[in-house]
Amino acid sequence: MWVTEGPLKADVTAHFLHQAVIGVPGVSLWRSVLKAVEDWPQRQAVLDFDQDASASTAAQVSEHTHALAMALHQAGWVIYEAHWEAGPKGIDDVSDFPGFHLRNNSVFRDGYCAQ
């Protein structure tokens, strides 16, 4: 299951990846994801929020992404975060997903959700 910003981006991502995707109206509204996935049978999530160029916006996105990851991790989920090479802001901007990869929470950024 993937989590991204916006229902349209969720639809585009689901179409190309053939995966379930939840689109939250904005990264700060991440708490809505917890209710939506409480009965989800698979406990793996890919967090796929925009990679903003502005340092202050990127810091806010990072803070909310970390909070969602921690909440899901505490509920028994394995968390990944989608990344791509610099340039595109969101996954919907990544043409054919070049340079796209996933990073597992246990090896990612400052012990992010370290297991």
C-alpha atoms as a PDB file:
ATOM      1  CA  MET A   1       0.000   0.000   0.000  1.00  0.00           C
ATOM      2  CA  TRP A   2       1.259   3.477  -0.911  1.00  0.00           C
ATOM      3  CA  VAL A   3       0.487   6.834   0.712  1.00  0.00           C
ATOM      4  CA  THR A   4       0.842  10.049  -1.283  1.00  0.00           C
ATOM      5  CA  GLU A   5      -0.488  13.602  -1.367  1.00  0.00           C
ATOM      6  CA  GLY A   6      -3.782  14.160  -3.178  1.00  0.00           C
ATOM      7  CA  PRO A   7      -6.446  11.887  -4.617  1.00  0.00           C
ATOM      8  CA  LEU A   8      -5.530  12.592  -8.244  1.00  0.00           C
ATOM      9  CA  LYS A   9      -1.877  11.752  -7.615  1.00  0.00           C
ATOM     10  CA  ALA A  10      -3.052   8.595  -5.834  1.00  0.00           C
ATOM     11  CA  ASP A  11      -5.089   7.586  -8.883  1.00  0.00           C
ATOM     12  CA  VAL A  12      -2.170   8.219 -11.266  1.00  0.00           C
ATOM     13  CA  THR A  13       0.235   6.301  -9.033  1.00  0.00           C
ATOM     14  CA  ALA A  14      -2.183   3.377  -8.627  1.00  0.00           C
ATOM     15  CA  HIS A  15      -2.634   3.214 -12.403  1.00  0.00           C
ATOM     16  CA  PHE A  16       1.090   3.039 -13.157  1.00  0.00           C
ATOM     17  CA  LEU A  17       2.170   0.868 -10.236  1.00  0.00           C
ATOM     18  CA  HIS A  18      -0.900  -1.410 -10.093  1.00  0.00           C
ATOM     19  CA  GLN A  19      -0.905  -0.980  -6.319  1.00  0.00           C
ATOM     20  CA  ALA A  20      -3.355   0.324  -3.719  1.00  0.00           C
ATOM     21  CA  VAL A  21      -2.666   4.014  -3.055  1.00  0.00           C
ATOM     22  CA  ILE A  22      -4.174   6.332  -0.441  1.00  0.00           C
ATOM     23  CA  GLY A  23      -4.141  10.031  -1.286  1.00  0.00           C
ATOM     24  CA  VAL A  24      -4.269  12.403   1.677  1.00  0.00           C
ATOM     25  CA  PRO A  25      -5.183  16.057   0.987  1.00  0.00           C
ATOM     26  CA  GLY A  26      -1.817  17.154   2.409  1.00  0.00           C
ATOM     27  CA  VAL A  27       1.042  15.606   4.340  1.00  0.00           C
ATOM     28  CA  SER A  28      -0.061  17.372   7.533  1.00  0.00           C
ATOM     29  CA  LEU A  29      -3.313  15.382   7.421  1.00  0.00           C
ATOM     30  CA  TRP A  30      -1.471  12.074   7.790  1.00  0.00           C
ATOM     31  CA  ARG A  31      -3.597  10.972  10.769  1.00  0.00           C
ATOM     32  CA  SER A  32      -6.455  10.139   8.385  1.00  0.00           C
ATOM     33  CA  VAL A  33      -4.296   7.314   7.039  1.00  0.00           C
ATOM     34  CA  LEU A  34      -4.313   5.484  10.385  1.00  0.00           C
ATOM     35  CA  LYS A  35      -8.089   5.009  10.345  1.00  0.00           C
ATOM     36  CA  ALA A  36      -8.115   4.084   6.643  1.00  0.00           C
ATOM     37  CA  VAL A  37      -5.590   1.261   7.081  1.00  0.00           C
ATOM     38  CA  GLU A  38      -6.469  -0.164  10.487  1.00  0.00           C
ATOM     39  CA  ASP A  39      -7.970  -3.325   8.917  1.00  0.00           C
ATOM     40  CA  TRP A  40      -5.530  -3.522   5.999  1.00  0.00           C
ATOM     41  CA  PRO A  41      -4.325  -7.147   5.742  1.00  0.00           C
ATOM     42  CA  GLN A  42      -0.797  -6.391   4.553  1.00  0.00           C
ATOM     43  CA  ARG A  43       1.326  -4.369   6.942  1.00  0.00           C
ATOM     44  CA  GLN A  44       3.720  -2.732   4.486  1.00  0.00           C
ATOM     45  CA  ALA A  45       3.486   0.884   3.384  1.00  0.00           C
ATOM     46  CA  VAL A  46       5.459   3.063   0.997  1.00  0.00           C
ATOM     47  CA  LEU A  47       5.364   6.737   1.952  1.00  0.00           C
ATOM     48  CA  ASP A  48       5.502   8.826  -1.172  1.00  0.00           C
ATOM     49  CA  PHE A  49       5.213  12.526  -0.371  1.00  0.00           C
ATOM     50  CA  ASP A  50       6.496  15.358  -2.551  1.00  0.00           C
ATOM     51  CA  GLN A  51      10.181  16.188  -2.500  1.00  0.00           C
ATOM     52  CA  ASP A  52       9.885  19.960  -2.243  1.00  0.00           C
ATOM     53  CA  ALA A  53      12.775  22.218  -3.233  1.00  0.00           C
ATOM     54  CA  SER A  54      12.082  24.793  -0.510  1.00  0.00           C
ATOM     55  CA  ALA A  55      14.086  23.928   2.606  1.00  0.00           C
ATOM     56  CA  SER A  56      11.330  25.022   4.992  1.00  0.00           C
ATOM     57  CA  THR A  57       8.645  23.052   3.131  1.00  0.00           C
ATOM     58  CA  ALA A  58      10.917  20.022   2.860  1.00  0.00           C
ATOM     59  CA  ALA A  59      11.495  20.170   6.627  1.00  0.00           C
ATOM     60  CA  GLN A  60       7.742  20.229   7.287  1.00  0.00           C
ATOM     61  CA  VAL A  61       7.150  17.329   4.898  1.00  0.00           C
ATOM     62  CA  SER A  62       9.929  15.382   6.593  1.00  0.00           C
ATOM     63  CA  GLU A  63       8.460  16.044  10.035  1.00  0.00           C
ATOM     64  CA  HIS A  64       4.982  14.832   9.046  1.00  0.00           C
ATOM     65  CA  THR A  65       6.366  11.862   7.103  1.00  0.00           C
ATOM     66  CA  HIS A  66       8.359  10.826  10.161  1.00  0.00           C
ATOM     67  CA  ALA A  67       5.271  11.145  12.394  1.00  0.00           C
ATOM     68  CA  LEU A  68       3.200   8.960  10.052  1.00  0.00           C
ATOM     69  CA  ALA A  69       6.010   6.429   9.757  1.00  0.00           C
ATOM     70  CA  MET A  70       6.363   6.217  13.528  1.00  0.00           C
ATOM     71  CA  ALA A  71       2.606   5.776  14.041  1.00  0.00           C
ATOM     72  CA  LEU A  72       2.397   3.025  11.420  1.00  0.00           C
ATOM     73  CA  HIS A  73       5.571   1.398  12.724  1.00  0.00           C
ATOM     74  CA  GLN A  74       4.110   1.307  16.238  1.00  0.00           C
ATOM     75  CA  ALA A  75       1.031  -0.391  14.766  1.00  0.00           C
ATOM     76  CA  GLY A  76       3.245  -3.154  13.347  1.00  0.00           C
ATOM     77  CA  TRP A  77       3.799  -1.861   9.815  1.00  0.00           C
ATOM     78  CA  VAL A  78       7.029  -2.106   7.809  1.00  0.00           C
ATOM     79  CA  ILE A  79       7.662   1.330   6.349  1.00  0.00           C
ATOM     80  CA  TYR A  80       9.462   2.340   3.159  1.00  0.00           C
ATOM     81  CA  GLU A  81       9.915   5.744   1.580  1.00  0.00           C
ATOM     82  CA  ALA A  82       9.983   6.349  -2.158  1.00  0.00           C
ATOM     83  CA  HIS A  83      12.832   8.447  -3.578  1.00  0.00           C
ATOM     84  CA  TRP A  84      13.961   9.497  -7.015  1.00  0.00           C
ATOM     85  CA  GLU A  85      16.777  11.543  -8.453  1.00  0.00           C
ATOM     86  CA  ALA A  86      16.606  15.323  -8.085  1.00  0.00           C
ATOM     87  CA  GLY A  87      14.246  17.155 -10.382  1.00  0.00           C
ATOM     88  CA  PRO A  88      10.682  15.881 -10.135  1.00  0.00           C
ATOM     89  CA  LYS A  89       8.716  17.086  -7.118  1.00  0.00           C
ATOM     90  CA  GLY A  90       6.249  14.212  -6.849  1.00  0.00           C
ATOM     91  CA  ILE A  91       5.892  10.681  -8.097  1.00  0.00           C
ATOM     92  CA  ASP A  92       3.348  11.856 -10.648  1.00  0.00           C
ATOM     93  CA  ASP A  93       6.131  13.958 -12.223  1.00  0.00           C
ATOM     94  CA  VAL A  94       8.524  11.028 -12.566  1.00  0.00           C
ATOM     95  CA  SER A  95       8.322   9.914 -16.191  1.00  0.00           C
ATOM     96  CA  ASP A  96       8.658   6.133 -16.303  1.00  0.00           C
ATOM     97  CA  PHE A  97      10.089   6.364 -12.764  1.00  0.00           C
ATOM     98  CA  PRO A  98      13.804   6.873 -13.680  1.00  0.00           C
ATOM     99  CA  GLY A  99      16.165   6.777 -10.748  1.00  0.00           C
ATOM    100  CA  PHE A 100      13.320   5.558  -8.580  1.00  0.00           C
ATOM    101  CA  HIS A 101      14.043   3.350  -5.590  1.00  0.00           C
ATOM    102  CA  LEU A 102      12.718   2.433  -2.172  1.00  0.00           C
ATOM    103  CA  ARG A 103      14.554   2.645   1.099  1.00  0.00           C
ATOM    104  CA  ASN A 104      13.601   0.500   4.064  1.00  0.00           C
ATOM    105  CA  ASN A 105      13.000   2.275   7.328  1.00  0.00           C
ATOM    106  CA  SER A 106      15.665   0.331   9.187  1.00  0.00           C
ATOM    107  CA  VAL A 107      18.531   1.725   7.087  1.00  0.00           C
ATOM    108  CA  PHE A 108      17.234   5.186   6.373  1.00  0.00           C
ATOM    109  CA  ARG A 109      18.008   8.637   7.581  1.00  0.00           C
ATOM    110  CA  ASP A 110      19.043   9.142  11.211  1.00  0.00           C
ATOM    111  CA  GLY A 111      17.638   5.825  12.394  1.00  0.00           C
ATOM    112  CA  TYR A 112      14.241   6.768  11.009  1.00  0.00           C
ATOM    113  CA  CYS A 113      11.861   4.271  12.578  1.00  0.00           C
ATOM    114  CA  ALA A 114      14.830   2.065  13.303  1.00  0.00           C
ATOM    115  CA  GLN A 115      13.825  -1.436  14.273  1.00  0.00           C
END
